[in-house]
Amino acid sequence: MEKSKPRIIKDYEKLDKQIQEQIKLTYPEGFSQYLITFLNQNGKYVSALPFETDEYYYLVRMTQDEADMIVSADEDYDDEGILKNEVKEIFEDKYADLDYLSEKTGESTKDEPEDN
């Protein structure tokens, strides 16, 4: 049985810049439609964006409104809330060696048969 990863529950602004960039690459069309809800240690429901690395399982605390505001205020996203192509290419090059990202962005490093 696989050992579960440590969970990190944190606000988006408090994450390292590299983790923020990786999250943007994982969610190039914004965050709000991917939020999940969980019960925190105080028994309160909290919404968060899930993000998994090789070492950690992140739950990035944000409400629907905060998710929309983060994207709309971020210059890496266009007016429609889509990650700009030039930014996406920079991040893909920067994090090309991270297997957990290549799986999520559709550029698998494994040789898999294509569906025809």
C-alpha atoms as a PDB file:
ATOM      1  CA  MET A   1       0.000   0.000   0.000  1.00  0.00           C
ATOM      2  CA  GLU A   2       1.328   3.401  -0.983  1.00  0.00           C
ATOM      3  CA  LYS A   3       2.160   5.797   1.827  1.00  0.00           C
ATOM      4  CA  SER A   4      -0.010   8.907   1.692  1.00  0.00           C
ATOM      5  CA  LYS A   5       1.686  12.226   1.077  1.00  0.00           C
ATOM      6  CA  PRO A   6       1.749  14.979   3.668  1.00  0.00           C
ATOM      7  CA  ARG A   7      -1.021  17.510   3.098  1.00  0.00           C
ATOM      8  CA  ILE A   8      -0.259  21.188   3.024  1.00  0.00           C
ATOM      9  CA  ILE A   9      -3.164  23.581   3.433  1.00  0.00           C
ATOM     10  CA  LYS A  10      -2.099  27.093   2.511  1.00  0.00           C
ATOM     11  CA  ASP A  11      -3.341  30.329   0.967  1.00  0.00           C
ATOM     12  CA  TYR A  12      -2.302  30.918  -2.643  1.00  0.00           C
ATOM     13  CA  GLU A  13      -0.390  34.122  -1.822  1.00  0.00           C
ATOM     14  CA  LYS A  14       1.741  32.276   0.741  1.00  0.00           C
ATOM     15  CA  LEU A  15       2.926  29.583  -1.689  1.00  0.00           C
ATOM     16  CA  ASP A  16       6.390  29.699  -3.248  1.00  0.00           C
ATOM     17  CA  LYS A  17       6.443  31.352  -6.667  1.00  0.00           C
ATOM     18  CA  GLN A  18       7.504  28.043  -8.264  1.00  0.00           C
ATOM     19  CA  ILE A  19       4.469  26.231  -6.828  1.00  0.00           C
ATOM     20  CA  GLN A  20       2.195  29.069  -8.021  1.00  0.00           C
ATOM     21  CA  GLU A  21       3.650  28.725 -11.533  1.00  0.00           C
ATOM     22  CA  GLN A  22       3.167  24.956 -11.488  1.00  0.00           C
ATOM     23  CA  ILE A  23      -0.442  25.437 -10.380  1.00  0.00           C
ATOM     24  CA  LYS A  24      -1.005  27.841 -13.280  1.00  0.00           C
ATOM     25  CA  LEU A  25       0.402  25.247 -15.668  1.00  0.00           C
ATOM     26  CA  THR A  26      -1.866  22.577 -14.196  1.00  0.00           C
ATOM     27  CA  TYR A  27      -4.939  24.844 -14.330  1.00  0.00           C
ATOM     28  CA  PRO A  28      -4.416  27.007 -17.452  1.00  0.00           C
ATOM     29  CA  GLU A  29      -8.136  27.841 -17.670  1.00  0.00           C
ATOM     30  CA  GLY A  30      -8.422  29.210 -14.152  1.00  0.00           C
ATOM     31  CA  PHE A  31      -9.106  27.701 -10.750  1.00  0.00           C
ATOM     32  CA  SER A  32     -12.742  28.203  -9.795  1.00  0.00           C
ATOM     33  CA  GLN A  33     -14.183  25.180 -11.627  1.00  0.00           C
ATOM     34  CA  TYR A  34     -11.675  22.849  -9.910  1.00  0.00           C
ATOM     35  CA  LEU A  35     -12.298  23.803  -6.278  1.00  0.00           C
ATOM     36  CA  ILE A  36     -13.137  21.050  -3.829  1.00  0.00           C
ATOM     37  CA  THR A  37     -14.696  21.299  -0.383  1.00  0.00           C
ATOM     38  CA  PHE A  38     -13.351  19.546   2.706  1.00  0.00           C
ATOM     39  CA  LEU A  39     -13.844  19.568   6.451  1.00  0.00           C
ATOM     40  CA  ASN A  40     -10.931  21.214   8.295  1.00  0.00           C
ATOM     41  CA  GLN A  41      -9.700  20.252  11.777  1.00  0.00           C
ATOM     42  CA  ASN A  42     -12.191  22.701  13.325  1.00  0.00           C
ATOM     43  CA  GLY A  43     -15.139  20.982  11.644  1.00  0.00           C
ATOM     44  CA  LYS A  44     -15.683  23.850   9.186  1.00  0.00           C
ATOM     45  CA  TYR A  45     -16.114  23.391   5.457  1.00  0.00           C
ATOM     46  CA  VAL A  46     -13.336  24.995   3.432  1.00  0.00           C
ATOM     47  CA  SER A  47     -12.958  25.261  -0.336  1.00  0.00           C
ATOM     48  CA  ALA A  48      -9.557  24.681  -1.876  1.00  0.00           C
ATOM     49  CA  LEU A  49      -7.753  23.956  -5.105  1.00  0.00           C
ATOM     50  CA  PRO A  50      -6.054  20.535  -5.069  1.00  0.00           C
ATOM     51  CA  PHE A  51      -2.496  20.316  -6.388  1.00  0.00           C
ATOM     52  CA  GLU A  52      -0.210  17.325  -6.090  1.00  0.00           C
ATOM     53  CA  THR A  53       3.572  17.107  -6.396  1.00  0.00           C
ATOM     54  CA  ASP A  54       5.846  14.107  -5.916  1.00  0.00           C
ATOM     55  CA  GLU A  55       6.249  14.991  -2.226  1.00  0.00           C
ATOM     56  CA  TYR A  56       3.088  16.822  -1.163  1.00  0.00           C
ATOM     57  CA  TYR A  57      -0.639  17.086  -1.657  1.00  0.00           C
ATOM     58  CA  TYR A  58      -1.547  20.775  -1.549  1.00  0.00           C
ATOM     59  CA  LEU A  59      -4.966  22.135  -0.719  1.00  0.00           C
ATOM     60  CA  VAL A  60      -4.774  25.792  -1.699  1.00  0.00           C
ATOM     61  CA  ARG A  61      -7.435  27.638   0.294  1.00  0.00           C
ATOM     62  CA  MET A  62      -9.655  29.890  -1.793  1.00  0.00           C
ATOM     63  CA  THR A  63     -13.309  30.646  -2.324  1.00  0.00           C
ATOM     64  CA  GLN A  64     -14.942  30.783  -5.737  1.00  0.00           C
ATOM     65  CA  ASP A  65     -14.688  34.600  -5.698  1.00  0.00           C
ATOM     66  CA  GLU A  66     -11.042  34.526  -4.588  1.00  0.00           C
ATOM     67  CA  ALA A  67     -10.213  32.038  -7.353  1.00  0.00           C
ATOM     68  CA  ASP A  68     -11.735  34.363  -9.951  1.00  0.00           C
ATOM     69  CA  MET A  69     -10.000  37.441  -8.462  1.00  0.00           C
ATOM     70  CA  ILE A  70      -6.576  35.736  -8.384  1.00  0.00           C
ATOM     71  CA  VAL A  71      -6.837  34.878 -12.083  1.00  0.00           C
ATOM     72  CA  SER A  72      -8.266  38.238 -13.167  1.00  0.00           C
ATOM     73  CA  ALA A  73      -5.519  40.129 -11.288  1.00  0.00           C
ATOM     74  CA  ASP A  74      -2.731  37.899 -12.649  1.00  0.00           C
ATOM     75  CA  GLU A  75      -0.986  39.241 -15.752  1.00  0.00           C
ATOM     76  CA  ASP A  76      -0.117  35.662 -16.793  1.00  0.00           C
ATOM     77  CA  TYR A  77      -3.809  35.149 -17.682  1.00  0.00           C
ATOM     78  CA  ASP A  78      -5.642  36.880 -20.527  1.00  0.00           C
ATOM     79  CA  ASP A  79      -8.966  38.729 -20.240  1.00  0.00           C
ATOM     80  CA  GLU A  80     -10.881  35.446 -20.602  1.00  0.00           C
ATOM     81  CA  GLY A  81      -9.001  33.865 -17.679  1.00  0.00           C
ATOM     82  CA  ILE A  82      -6.846  31.606 -19.880  1.00  0.00           C
ATOM     83  CA  LEU A  83      -3.101  31.258 -19.279  1.00  0.00           C
ATOM     84  CA  LYS A  84      -1.324  33.177 -22.050  1.00  0.00           C
ATOM     85  CA  ASN A  85       0.441  30.920 -24.575  1.00  0.00           C
ATOM     86  CA  GLU A  86       3.824  32.599 -24.168  1.00  0.00           C
ATOM     87  CA  VAL A  87       3.622  32.194 -20.387  1.00  0.00           C
ATOM     88  CA  LYS A  88       2.509  28.575 -20.728  1.00  0.00           C
ATOM     89  CA  GLU A  89       5.495  27.826 -22.987  1.00  0.00           C
ATOM     90  CA  ILE A  90       7.916  29.439 -20.517  1.00  0.00           C
ATOM     91  CA  PHE A  91       6.491  27.403 -17.621  1.00  0.00           C
ATOM     92  CA  GLU A  92       6.468  24.180 -19.692  1.00  0.00           C
ATOM     93  CA  ASP A  93      10.165  24.672 -20.496  1.00  0.00           C
ATOM     94  CA  LYS A  94      10.994  25.667 -16.923  1.00  0.00           C
ATOM     95  CA  TYR A  95       9.276  22.630 -15.386  1.00  0.00           C
ATOM     96  CA  ALA A  96       9.796  20.078 -18.197  1.00  0.00           C
ATOM     97  CA  ASP A  97      11.731  17.776 -15.864  1.00  0.00           C
ATOM     98  CA  LEU A  98       8.836  17.373 -13.413  1.00  0.00           C
ATOM     99  CA  ASP A  99       6.986  14.147 -14.226  1.00  0.00           C
ATOM    100  CA  TYR A 100       3.980  15.015 -12.073  1.00  0.00           C
ATOM    101  CA  LEU A 101       3.377  18.110 -14.215  1.00  0.00           C
ATOM    102  CA  SER A 102       3.862  16.506 -17.616  1.00  0.00           C
ATOM    103  CA  GLU A 103       1.148  13.978 -16.734  1.00  0.00           C
ATOM    104  CA  LYS A 104      -1.333  16.743 -15.892  1.00  0.00           C
ATOM    105  CA  THR A 105      -0.564  18.990 -18.861  1.00  0.00           C
ATOM    106  CA  GLY A 106      -1.134  16.211 -21.382  1.00  0.00           C
ATOM    107  CA  GLU A 107       2.497  15.869 -22.359  1.00  0.00           C
ATOM    108  CA  SER A 108       3.239  12.503 -20.859  1.00  0.00           C
ATOM    109  CA  THR A 109       6.853  11.430 -20.764  1.00  0.00           C
ATOM    110  CA  LYS A 110       5.820   7.782 -21.063  1.00  0.00           C
ATOM    111  CA  ASP A 111       5.295   6.067 -24.403  1.00  0.00           C
ATOM    112  CA  GLU A 112       1.578   5.551 -24.503  1.00  0.00           C
ATOM    113  CA  PRO A 113      -0.468   4.431 -27.510  1.00  0.00           C
ATOM    114  CA  GLU A 114      -2.492   7.201 -29.060  1.00  0.00           C
ATOM    115  CA  ASP A 115      -6.240   6.886 -29.481  1.00  0.00           C
ATOM    116  CA  ASN A 116      -7.164   6.993 -33.151  1.00  0.00           C
END
